[in-house]
Amino acid sequence: MSDQEKTSVLQGFKAFLMRGNVVDLAVAVVIGAAFTNIVNSVVKGVINPLVGAFGTKNLDSYSSCLKGPCEGTGDAATGVRILWGSVLGSTLQFVITAGVVYFLMVLPMAKYLARVEARRKAKEGTHEVIEITELEVLKEIRDTLVAQRESGHGDAGRSDSGQHGTGQGGTGPGGR
């Protein structure tokens, strides 16, 4: 590989890393990993004790026996068990995570972007009003000039002779 090829590959890799999507994705993964610990703590510290008030503290222990006899735990278990407690715990974690992400990240960002878009549209609207106003002024100027030309063509002889014979000391009719 030549030095130019190495440089272009490195420049391409740098450009790839500096694209907004890659950086955003990396930040999202790091924040998501940290946020998972918070959600797990909320489920274990708040949700499970609330559920424990009505039954056992561990959601994973809730199960139903589909085909008996359901005895034992782990590899020594017999029968067919449906571990709906695990599904319920995971569902609660997902709902809590989705709620926090939506209300603390997505909704504020959507409102911010809506405000930015409204400001942009307001600026464009102002420019359009100014452009329309300027266009109207230019049309009025054009119409005025056309009207002056039309009225000037009928008075062309008089206006020129009037300007030259206004006491300038010339040989015109007003100069003698």
Protein backbone atom coordinates (compact mmCIF):
# COMPACT_ATOMS: atom_id res chain seq x y z
CA MET A 1 0.00 0.00 0.00
CA SER A 2 1.44 3.37 -0.97
CA ASP A 3 1.53 6.42 1.28
CA GLN A 4 -1.24 8.09 -0.75
CA GLU A 5 -3.52 5.07 -0.37
CA LYS A 6 -2.86 4.94 3.40
CA THR A 7 -3.59 8.66 3.67
CA SER A 8 -6.82 8.38 1.68
CA VAL A 9 -7.95 5.37 3.72
CA LEU A 10 -7.21 7.20 6.95
CA GLN A 11 -8.96 10.32 5.69
CA GLY A 12 -11.97 8.24 4.67
CA PHE A 13 -12.05 6.53 8.07
CA LYS A 14 -11.79 9.91 9.81
CA ALA A 15 -14.63 11.27 7.68
CA PHE A 16 -16.72 8.19 8.54
CA LEU A 17 -16.11 8.64 12.27
CA MET A 18 -16.83 12.35 12.18
CA ARG A 19 -20.19 11.97 10.47
CA GLY A 20 -23.00 12.96 12.80
CA ASN A 21 -24.74 9.59 12.74
CA VAL A 22 -21.74 7.61 14.00
CA VAL A 23 -21.03 10.01 16.84
CA ASP A 24 -24.71 10.14 17.81
CA LEU A 25 -24.89 6.36 17.80
CA ALA A 26 -21.80 6.05 20.00
CA VAL A 27 -23.23 8.53 22.50
CA ALA A 28 -26.56 6.70 22.48
CA VAL A 29 -24.90 3.36 23.24
CA VAL A 30 -22.94 4.79 26.17
CA ILE A 31 -25.95 6.59 27.60
CA GLY A 32 -28.14 3.52 27.04
CA ALA A 33 -25.71 1.29 28.93
CA ALA A 34 -25.62 3.70 31.86
CA PHE A 35 -29.37 4.16 31.74
CA THR A 36 -29.96 0.41 31.85
CA ASN A 37 -28.37 0.29 35.29
CA ILE A 38 -30.71 3.01 36.52
CA VAL A 39 -33.78 1.22 35.19
CA ASN A 40 -32.66 -2.10 36.68
CA SER A 41 -32.19 -0.39 40.05
CA VAL A 42 -35.67 1.17 39.86
CA VAL A 43 -37.23 -2.19 39.03
CA LYS A 44 -35.34 -4.04 41.78
CA GLY A 45 -35.65 -1.27 44.37
CA VAL A 46 -39.16 0.05 43.72
CA ILE A 47 -41.24 -2.19 41.42
CA ASN A 48 -40.27 -5.55 42.89
CA PRO A 49 -40.98 -4.48 46.50
CA LEU A 50 -44.38 -3.14 45.40
CA VAL A 51 -45.12 -6.46 43.73
CA GLY A 52 -43.71 -8.19 46.82
CA ALA A 53 -46.41 -6.53 48.90
CA PHE A 54 -48.90 -8.76 47.09
CA GLY A 55 -46.73 -11.85 46.67
CA THR A 56 -43.05 -12.64 46.41
CA LYS A 57 -40.46 -9.92 45.97
CA ASN A 58 -38.82 -11.59 42.97
CA LEU A 59 -40.88 -11.45 39.77
CA ASP A 60 -38.85 -14.31 38.32
CA SER A 61 -40.44 -16.72 40.79
CA TYR A 62 -43.92 -16.26 39.29
CA SER A 63 -44.70 -19.14 36.97
CA SER A 64 -47.50 -21.44 35.90
CA CYS A 65 -47.35 -25.15 35.31
CA LEU A 66 -48.48 -26.09 31.82
CA LYS A 67 -47.85 -29.79 32.16
CA GLY A 68 -47.35 -31.33 35.59
CA PRO A 69 -45.99 -32.28 37.86
CA CYS A 70 -43.95 -29.08 38.18
CA GLU A 71 -41.50 -29.76 40.95
CA GLY A 72 -37.94 -28.66 41.58
CA THR A 73 -35.96 -25.80 40.13
CA GLY A 74 -33.24 -25.36 37.51
CA ASP A 75 -32.05 -28.48 35.67
CA ALA A 76 -33.81 -30.77 38.14
CA ALA A 77 -37.24 -29.24 37.39
CA THR A 78 -39.93 -31.54 36.07
CA GLY A 79 -42.97 -30.64 34.02
CA VAL A 80 -43.43 -27.69 31.67
CA ARG A 81 -43.35 -24.26 33.31
CA ILE A 82 -44.30 -20.90 31.87
CA LEU A 83 -42.16 -18.25 33.57
CA TRP A 84 -44.50 -15.33 33.11
CA GLY A 85 -42.90 -13.45 36.01
CA SER A 86 -39.69 -13.04 34.00
CA VAL A 87 -41.68 -11.74 31.05
CA LEU A 88 -43.57 -9.33 33.31
CA GLY A 89 -40.31 -8.03 34.82
CA SER A 90 -38.72 -7.52 31.41
CA THR A 91 -41.87 -5.83 30.14
CA LEU A 92 -41.88 -3.44 33.10
CA GLN A 93 -38.22 -2.62 32.49
CA PHE A 94 -38.96 -1.94 28.83
CA VAL A 95 -41.97 0.26 29.60
CA ILE A 96 -40.05 2.25 32.19
CA THR A 97 -37.08 2.66 29.85
CA ALA A 98 -39.27 3.67 26.92
CA GLY A 99 -41.22 6.12 29.09
CA VAL A 100 -38.13 7.80 30.47
CA VAL A 101 -36.48 7.98 27.05
CA TYR A 102 -39.64 9.41 25.50
CA PHE A 103 -40.46 11.96 28.19
CA LEU A 104 -36.90 13.04 29.02
CA MET A 105 -35.25 12.84 25.60
CA VAL A 106 -37.59 12.45 22.62
CA LEU A 107 -40.40 14.83 23.65
CA PRO A 108 -38.12 17.74 24.67
CA MET A 109 -36.07 17.31 21.49
CA ALA A 110 -39.23 17.25 19.36
CA LYS A 111 -40.46 20.45 21.02
CA TYR A 112 -37.07 22.10 20.50
CA LEU A 113 -36.99 21.10 16.82
CA ALA A 114 -40.57 22.37 16.39
CA ARG A 115 -39.56 25.75 17.87
CA VAL A 116 -36.52 25.92 15.58
CA GLU A 117 -38.68 25.08 12.56
CA ALA A 118 -41.27 27.69 13.59
CA ARG A 119 -38.54 30.33 13.87
CA ARG A 120 -37.18 29.32 10.47
CA LYS A 121 -40.65 29.55 8.90
CA ALA A 122 -41.24 32.91 10.59
CA LYS A 123 -37.99 34.22 9.13
CA GLU A 124 -38.93 32.87 5.69
CA GLY A 125 -42.37 34.46 6.05
CA THR A 126 -40.73 37.78 6.90
CA HIS A 127 -38.48 37.51 3.86
CA GLU A 128 -41.48 36.68 1.67
CA VAL A 129 -43.41 39.69 3.02
CA ILE A 130 -40.40 41.90 2.39
CA GLU A 131 -39.95 40.47 -1.10
CA ILE A 132 -43.62 40.94 -1.89
CA THR A 133 -43.53 44.49 -0.54
CA GLU A 134 -40.40 45.26 -2.58
CA LEU A 135 -42.06 43.78 -5.65
CA GLU A 136 -45.12 45.94 -5.12
CA VAL A 137 -42.95 49.05 -4.71
CA LEU A 138 -41.05 48.23 -7.88
CA LYS A 139 -44.34 47.76 -9.76
CA GLU A 140 -45.55 51.14 -8.50
CA ILE A 141 -42.29 52.77 -9.60
CA ARG A 142 -42.60 51.13 -13.02
CA ASP A 143 -46.21 52.25 -13.37
CA THR A 144 -45.27 55.79 -12.36
CA LEU A 145 -42.42 55.89 -14.86
CA VAL A 146 -44.68 54.57 -17.62
CA ALA A 147 -47.28 57.20 -16.76
CA GLN A 148 -44.63 59.95 -16.81
CA ARG A 149 -43.33 58.80 -20.18
CA GLU A 150 -46.81 58.76 -21.63
CA SER A 151 -47.60 62.22 -20.31
CA GLY A 152 -44.09 63.41 -21.23
CA HIS A 153 -44.48 62.43 -24.89
CA GLY A 154 -47.42 64.79 -25.30
CA ASP A 155 -45.62 67.68 -23.51
CA ALA A 156 -42.11 67.01 -24.85
CA GLY A 157 -41.89 70.21 -26.96
CA ARG A 158 -43.17 72.50 -24.25
CA SER A 159 -41.12 71.13 -21.37
CA ASP A 160 -37.85 71.39 -23.31
CA SER A 161 -38.54 74.96 -24.52
CA GLY A 162 -39.66 75.96 -21.07
CA GLN A 163 -36.41 74.83 -19.50
CA HIS A 164 -34.23 76.60 -22.05
CA GLY A 165 -36.11 79.89 -21.92
CA THR A 166 -36.24 80.60 -18.22
CA GLY A 167 -34.13 83.71 -17.95
CA GLN A 168 -30.82 82.03 -18.60
CA GLY A 169 -29.74 84.86 -20.87
CA GLY A 170 -30.17 82.72 -23.92
CA THR A 171 -31.74 83.50 -27.22
CA GLY A 172 -35.00 81.81 -26.38
CA PRO A 173 -38.31 83.66 -26.24
CA GLY A 174 -38.02 84.36 -22.52
CA GLY A 175 -34.39 85.61 -22.75
CA ARG A 176 -35.19 88.84 -24.69
